[in-house]
Amino acid sequence: MVRAPYKRVHKHGRGRGTESMVICSFCGKKVPKYKTFLKKSGFSISDPAMKKEITKNSLMLPSKRLYVCLSCARHRKISLPGKSRKSKRKT
């Protein structure tokens, strides 16, 4: 039997029955919140002259919180196997 090159480890603070369900932003699947990856999408001002003119308090830059399920995160390369810090420390 071939083993997967990565482990899906989920840590929760409370019981699994009380976990809130979240809808994946890409596929629309209902997934428990602890199994999702949070991806923030938005934009930032890259022009330094504009940044000096506009202070953070005067302008609210829009940003979205996207919940991504495990399968979509693997497909879109949001979570890659072997990229965590724990696996780098072992060597």
C-alpha atoms as a PDB file:
ATOM      1  CA  MET A   1       0.000   0.000   0.000  1.00  0.00           C
ATOM      2  CA  VAL A   2       1.346   3.427  -0.955  1.00  0.00           C
ATOM      3  CA  ARG A   3       1.355   6.112   1.711  1.00  0.00           C
ATOM      4  CA  ALA A   4       0.431   9.737   1.058  1.00  0.00           C
ATOM      5  CA  PRO A   5       3.386  12.178   0.960  1.00  0.00           C
ATOM      6  CA  TYR A   6       1.651  14.436   3.493  1.00  0.00           C
ATOM      7  CA  LYS A   7      -0.554  14.138   6.571  1.00  0.00           C
ATOM      8  CA  ARG A   8      -3.851  15.907   7.091  1.00  0.00           C
ATOM      9  CA  VAL A   9      -3.710  16.820  10.759  1.00  0.00           C
ATOM     10  CA  HIS A  10      -6.670  18.652  12.247  1.00  0.00           C
ATOM     11  CA  LYS A  11      -6.613  20.181  15.704  1.00  0.00           C
ATOM     12  CA  HIS A  12      -9.825  21.282  17.339  1.00  0.00           C
ATOM     13  CA  GLY A  13     -10.530  22.823  20.681  1.00  0.00           C
ATOM     14  CA  ARG A  14     -14.012  21.423  21.192  1.00  0.00           C
ATOM     15  CA  GLY A  15     -15.995  18.364  20.154  1.00  0.00           C
ATOM     16  CA  ARG A  16     -16.617  17.612  16.516  1.00  0.00           C
ATOM     17  CA  GLY A  17     -20.394  17.759  16.840  1.00  0.00           C
ATOM     18  CA  THR A  18     -20.369  21.454  17.750  1.00  0.00           C
ATOM     19  CA  GLU A  19     -18.092  22.628  14.934  1.00  0.00           C
ATOM     20  CA  SER A  20     -19.606  25.252  12.658  1.00  0.00           C
ATOM     21  CA  MET A  21     -19.986  24.430   8.974  1.00  0.00           C
ATOM     22  CA  VAL A  22     -18.545  26.740   6.310  1.00  0.00           C
ATOM     23  CA  ILE A  23     -19.110  26.776   2.556  1.00  0.00           C
ATOM     24  CA  CYS A  24     -15.988  26.462   0.404  1.00  0.00           C
ATOM     25  CA  SER A  25     -15.464  29.547  -1.733  1.00  0.00           C
ATOM     26  CA  PHE A  26     -14.373  27.575  -4.803  1.00  0.00           C
ATOM     27  CA  CYS A  27     -16.451  24.385  -4.987  1.00  0.00           C
ATOM     28  CA  GLY A  28     -19.395  25.224  -2.709  1.00  0.00           C
ATOM     29  CA  LYS A  29     -18.984  22.117  -0.531  1.00  0.00           C
ATOM     30  CA  LYS A  30     -20.062  22.324   3.120  1.00  0.00           C
ATOM     31  CA  VAL A  31     -16.998  21.659   5.264  1.00  0.00           C
ATOM     32  CA  PRO A  32     -16.344  21.929   9.031  1.00  0.00           C
ATOM     33  CA  LYS A  33     -14.513  25.160   9.821  1.00  0.00           C
ATOM     34  CA  TYR A  34     -11.473  23.401  11.333  1.00  0.00           C
ATOM     35  CA  LYS A  35     -10.833  21.601   8.033  1.00  0.00           C
ATOM     36  CA  THR A  36     -10.622  24.787   5.949  1.00  0.00           C
ATOM     37  CA  PHE A  37      -7.786  27.094   5.014  1.00  0.00           C
ATOM     38  CA  LEU A  38      -8.350  30.822   5.313  1.00  0.00           C
ATOM     39  CA  LYS A  39      -7.252  32.819   2.292  1.00  0.00           C
ATOM     40  CA  LYS A  40      -7.552  36.580   2.288  1.00  0.00           C
ATOM     41  CA  SER A  41      -8.037  38.284  -1.031  1.00  0.00           C
ATOM     42  CA  GLY A  42      -7.863  41.975  -1.666  1.00  0.00           C
ATOM     43  CA  PHE A  43      -5.575  44.554  -3.119  1.00  0.00           C
ATOM     44  CA  SER A  44      -2.952  46.959  -1.875  1.00  0.00           C
ATOM     45  CA  ILE A  45      -1.651  50.235  -3.252  1.00  0.00           C
ATOM     46  CA  SER A  46       1.795  49.692  -4.728  1.00  0.00           C
ATOM     47  CA  ASP A  47       2.555  53.290  -5.731  1.00  0.00           C
ATOM     48  CA  PRO A  48       4.662  54.893  -2.952  1.00  0.00           C
ATOM     49  CA  ALA A  49       3.434  58.414  -3.732  1.00  0.00           C
ATOM     50  CA  MET A  50      -0.188  57.307  -3.306  1.00  0.00           C
ATOM     51  CA  LYS A  51       0.649  55.541  -0.038  1.00  0.00           C
ATOM     52  CA  LYS A  52       2.097  58.751   1.428  1.00  0.00           C
ATOM     53  CA  GLU A  53      -0.994  60.722   0.436  1.00  0.00           C
ATOM     54  CA  ILE A  54      -3.504  58.273   1.822  1.00  0.00           C
ATOM     55  CA  THR A  55      -3.320  57.262   5.460  1.00  0.00           C
ATOM     56  CA  LYS A  56      -4.679  53.941   6.663  1.00  0.00           C
ATOM     57  CA  ASN A  57      -7.398  55.615   8.708  1.00  0.00           C
ATOM     58  CA  SER A  58      -8.822  57.607   5.810  1.00  0.00           C
ATOM     59  CA  LEU A  59      -9.181  54.699   3.381  1.00  0.00           C
ATOM     60  CA  MET A  60     -10.632  51.248   3.962  1.00  0.00           C
ATOM     61  CA  LEU A  61      -9.182  48.778   1.469  1.00  0.00           C
ATOM     62  CA  PRO A  62     -11.675  45.985   0.725  1.00  0.00           C
ATOM     63  CA  SER A  63     -10.604  42.463   1.555  1.00  0.00           C
ATOM     64  CA  LYS A  64     -12.470  39.151   1.503  1.00  0.00           C
ATOM     65  CA  ARG A  65     -12.063  36.121   3.718  1.00  0.00           C
ATOM     66  CA  LEU A  66     -12.223  33.001   1.583  1.00  0.00           C
ATOM     67  CA  TYR A  67     -12.649  29.607   3.225  1.00  0.00           C
ATOM     68  CA  VAL A  68     -11.043  26.873   1.113  1.00  0.00           C
ATOM     69  CA  CYS A  69     -11.671  23.148   1.648  1.00  0.00           C
ATOM     70  CA  LEU A  70      -8.799  20.645   1.687  1.00  0.00           C
ATOM     71  CA  SER A  71      -9.304  19.314  -1.819  1.00  0.00           C
ATOM     72  CA  CYS A  72      -9.501  22.800  -3.379  1.00  0.00           C
ATOM     73  CA  ALA A  73      -6.463  23.931  -1.385  1.00  0.00           C
ATOM     74  CA  ARG A  74      -4.433  21.012  -2.735  1.00  0.00           C
ATOM     75  CA  HIS A  75      -5.690  21.575  -6.283  1.00  0.00           C
ATOM     76  CA  ARG A  76      -4.981  25.322  -6.260  1.00  0.00           C
ATOM     77  CA  LYS A  77      -1.631  24.821  -4.442  1.00  0.00           C
ATOM     78  CA  ILE A  78      -2.643  26.839  -1.395  1.00  0.00           C
ATOM     79  CA  SER A  79      -1.383  24.060   0.882  1.00  0.00           C
ATOM     80  CA  LEU A  80       1.600  22.102  -0.351  1.00  0.00           C
ATOM     81  CA  PRO A  81       2.924  18.911   1.254  1.00  0.00           C
ATOM     82  CA  GLY A  82       6.267  19.380   2.998  1.00  0.00           C
ATOM     83  CA  LYS A  83       6.046  23.163   3.225  1.00  0.00           C
ATOM     84  CA  SER A  84       5.322  23.359   6.949  1.00  0.00           C
ATOM     85  CA  ARG A  85       8.016  24.431   9.387  1.00  0.00           C
ATOM     86  CA  LYS A  86       7.731  21.236  11.402  1.00  0.00           C
ATOM     87  CA  SER A  87       8.828  19.061   8.506  1.00  0.00           C
ATOM     88  CA  LYS A  88      11.817  21.341   7.819  1.00  0.00           C
ATOM     89  CA  ARG A  89      13.036  21.074  11.436  1.00  0.00           C
ATOM     90  CA  LYS A  90      13.189  17.268  11.377  1.00  0.00           C
ATOM     91  CA  THR A  91      16.138  17.136   8.961  1.00  0.00           C
END
